[in-house]
Protein backbone atom coordinates (compact mmCIF):
# COMPACT_ATOMS: atom_id res chain seq x y z
CA MET A 1 120.95 177.97 -163.35
CA LEU A 2 119.61 174.45 -162.84
CA ARG A 3 119.89 172.14 -159.87
CA ALA A 4 120.22 168.40 -160.56
CA VAL A 5 118.85 166.03 -157.92
CA PRO A 6 118.85 162.21 -158.08
CA LYS A 7 115.30 160.81 -158.08
CA SER A 8 116.19 158.56 -155.13
CA LEU A 9 119.19 157.53 -153.06
CA PHE A 10 120.46 154.79 -155.39
CA SER A 11 118.91 155.99 -158.66
CA SER A 12 120.93 157.01 -161.70
CA ASP A 13 117.93 159.07 -162.83
CA TYR A 14 117.78 162.81 -162.15
CA LYS A 15 115.32 165.67 -161.90
CA LEU A 16 116.52 169.10 -162.98
CA LEU A 17 114.99 171.98 -161.08
CA GLU A 18 114.75 175.66 -161.84
CA ASN A 19 113.50 177.78 -158.95
CA ASP A 20 112.44 174.54 -157.19
CA ALA A 21 110.19 173.51 -160.12
CA THR A 22 111.03 170.39 -162.14
CA VAL A 23 111.83 171.38 -165.74
CA ALA A 24 113.44 168.13 -166.89
CA VAL A 25 113.75 164.47 -165.95
CA ILE A 26 116.59 162.17 -167.05
CA ASN A 27 115.73 158.48 -167.17
CA SER A 28 118.89 156.47 -167.81
CA SER A 29 119.05 153.08 -169.47
CA TRP A 30 120.19 150.24 -167.23
CA TRP A 31 122.23 148.42 -169.85
CA ARG A 32 124.06 151.05 -171.88
CA GLU A 33 124.88 154.73 -172.13
CA ALA A 34 121.45 155.80 -173.30
CA GLY A 35 118.28 157.23 -171.91
CA GLU A 36 115.31 159.51 -172.29
CA LEU A 37 114.95 163.16 -171.38
CA THR A 38 111.55 164.62 -170.62
CA ILE A 39 111.72 168.38 -170.84
CA LYS A 40 108.64 170.51 -170.31
CA GLY A 41 106.42 167.76 -171.73
CA SER A 42 108.61 166.88 -174.73
CA THR A 43 110.59 163.65 -175.01
CA TYR A 44 114.15 163.37 -176.33
CA ARG A 45 116.36 160.34 -176.82
CA VAL A 46 120.01 160.32 -175.76
CA TYR A 47 122.29 157.49 -176.81
CA ARG A 48 125.67 156.44 -178.07
CA GLU A 49 125.74 155.65 -181.78
CA GLY A 50 127.80 152.47 -181.40
CA ALA A 51 127.77 149.76 -178.75
CA MET A 52 131.43 150.31 -177.83
CA GLY A 53 132.14 153.72 -179.34
CA GLY A 54 130.86 156.52 -181.50
CA ALA A 55 129.28 159.88 -180.86
CA PHE A 56 126.73 160.63 -178.16
CA VAL A 57 123.51 161.98 -179.65
CA LEU A 58 120.55 164.12 -178.59
CA GLU A 59 117.57 163.29 -180.82
CA SER A 60 113.99 164.47 -181.05
CA GLY A 61 111.45 163.17 -183.55
CA GLY A 62 114.16 161.45 -185.58
CA ALA A 63 116.21 164.67 -185.93
CA ILE A 64 119.65 164.97 -184.35
CA LEU A 65 119.79 168.18 -182.31
CA ALA A 66 123.29 167.82 -180.87
CA ARG A 67 126.13 165.36 -180.92
CA ALA A 68 129.18 164.93 -178.72
CA GLU A 69 132.46 163.22 -179.50
CA LYS A 70 134.86 162.03 -176.83
CA PRO A 71 138.25 162.93 -178.34
CA SER A 72 140.28 160.71 -176.01
CA ALA A 73 139.61 157.72 -173.81
CA PHE A 74 142.15 159.11 -171.34
CA TYR A 75 140.64 162.56 -170.75
CA ARG A 76 137.28 163.48 -169.30
CA SER A 77 136.11 165.75 -172.09
CA PHE A 78 133.63 166.07 -174.94
CA LEU A 79 133.49 168.10 -178.13
CA ILE A 80 129.85 169.08 -178.62
CA GLU A 81 128.21 170.44 -181.75
CA HIS A 82 124.78 172.06 -181.81
CA ASP A 83 123.26 174.34 -184.42
CA GLY A 84 126.64 175.11 -186.01
CA LYS A 85 128.25 176.01 -182.67
CA LYS A 86 131.06 174.01 -181.12
CA TYR A 87 131.62 173.63 -177.40
CA THR A 88 134.17 171.86 -175.24
CA LEU A 89 133.02 170.28 -171.99
CA GLU A 90 135.94 169.08 -169.90
CA ALA A 91 136.95 168.26 -166.36
CA GLU A 92 138.55 171.22 -164.62
CA SER A 93 141.26 168.88 -163.33
CA ALA A 94 141.96 165.19 -162.96
CA MET A 95 141.23 165.33 -159.24
CA PHE A 96 137.83 167.04 -159.12
CA ARG A 97 134.31 166.45 -160.44
CA ARG A 98 133.79 170.00 -161.74
CA PHE A 99 133.33 170.30 -165.52
CA VAL A 100 133.75 173.52 -167.48
CA LEU A 101 131.95 174.40 -170.71
CA SER A 102 133.82 176.62 -173.16
CA GLU A 103 133.19 178.01 -176.61
CA GLY A 104 136.06 179.26 -178.73
CA GLY A 105 138.38 178.89 -175.74
CA GLN A 106 136.21 181.13 -173.54
CA PRO A 107 134.51 179.71 -170.43
CA ARG A 108 130.71 179.72 -170.71
CA GLY A 109 129.54 177.66 -167.75
CA SER A 110 130.11 174.71 -165.50
CA VAL A 111 128.67 171.67 -163.73
CA TYR A 112 129.76 170.82 -160.22
CA PRO A 113 128.57 168.86 -157.18
CA GLU A 114 126.83 170.88 -154.46
CA SER A 115 129.33 169.43 -151.97
CA SER A 116 132.03 166.76 -151.81
CA PHE A 117 129.77 163.95 -150.66
CA THR A 118 126.65 164.38 -152.75
CA ARG A 119 125.36 163.50 -156.20
CA LYS A 120 123.30 166.70 -156.26
CA ALA A 121 124.77 169.17 -158.71
CA VAL A 122 124.62 172.72 -160.00
CA VAL A 123 124.23 173.01 -163.77
CA ALA A 124 125.30 176.55 -164.64
CA PHE A 125 125.18 176.76 -168.43
CA PRO A 126 124.12 179.94 -170.25
CA GLU A 127 120.45 180.30 -171.08
CA ASP A 128 121.18 181.13 -174.73
CA ILE A 129 121.85 177.39 -175.11
CA PRO A 130 118.48 175.59 -175.47
CA LEU A 131 117.33 173.75 -172.36
CA ALA A 132 117.38 170.35 -174.11
CA VAL A 133 121.03 170.85 -175.06
CA ARG A 134 121.94 171.96 -171.51
CA VAL A 135 120.27 168.83 -170.11
CA PHE A 136 122.12 166.72 -172.72
CA MET A 137 125.40 168.28 -171.60
CA PHE A 138 124.61 167.42 -167.98
CA TRP A 139 123.77 163.84 -169.06
CA LEU A 140 127.27 163.62 -170.60
CA VAL A 141 128.80 164.69 -167.28
CA MET A 142 126.62 162.12 -165.49
CA ILE A 143 128.13 159.41 -167.70
CA LEU A 144 131.67 160.36 -166.75
CA TRP A 145 130.80 160.64 -163.06
CA LYS A 146 129.24 157.17 -163.22
CA ARG A 147 132.31 155.75 -164.99
CA ASP A 148 134.55 157.27 -162.28
CA SER A 149 132.33 155.83 -159.54
CA ASN A 150 132.32 152.38 -161.13
CA ALA A 151 136.12 152.45 -161.53
CA ALA A 152 136.58 153.45 -157.88
CA ALA A 153 134.22 150.69 -156.71
CA SER A 154 136.06 148.01 -158.67
CA SER A 155 139.52 148.89 -157.35
């Protein structure tokens, strides 16, 4: 299990901790849904293929490791493909920030805030999924949380 902690109070960047040791850092782009993951000394790119749409991609050294499609603009969910496996990552309900990861209709893990009023989160995905892909999945959840926050601030 990983613990996600914002780098600072107003930062959209995160550190992911395992047993209180940093194992990954997410540096988000300021101008679009993109960023860089640093995981145990290796660098990965995360980005959206198109400016206004398209798949979300995890890339390392020019190779695509995972991709995620958002099947509907109206639902907080992703269909993720990695190494021939397909996962669904979706909001548990419309009212809460908890996301559930499933494979073949079976729950495999979740991401949820540590409490109602924090951006700190628990990332509880199975360890048989590579760390880079787990961090990518958390980055996808971060995007939807940020969209929700921006929508709430503008209303």
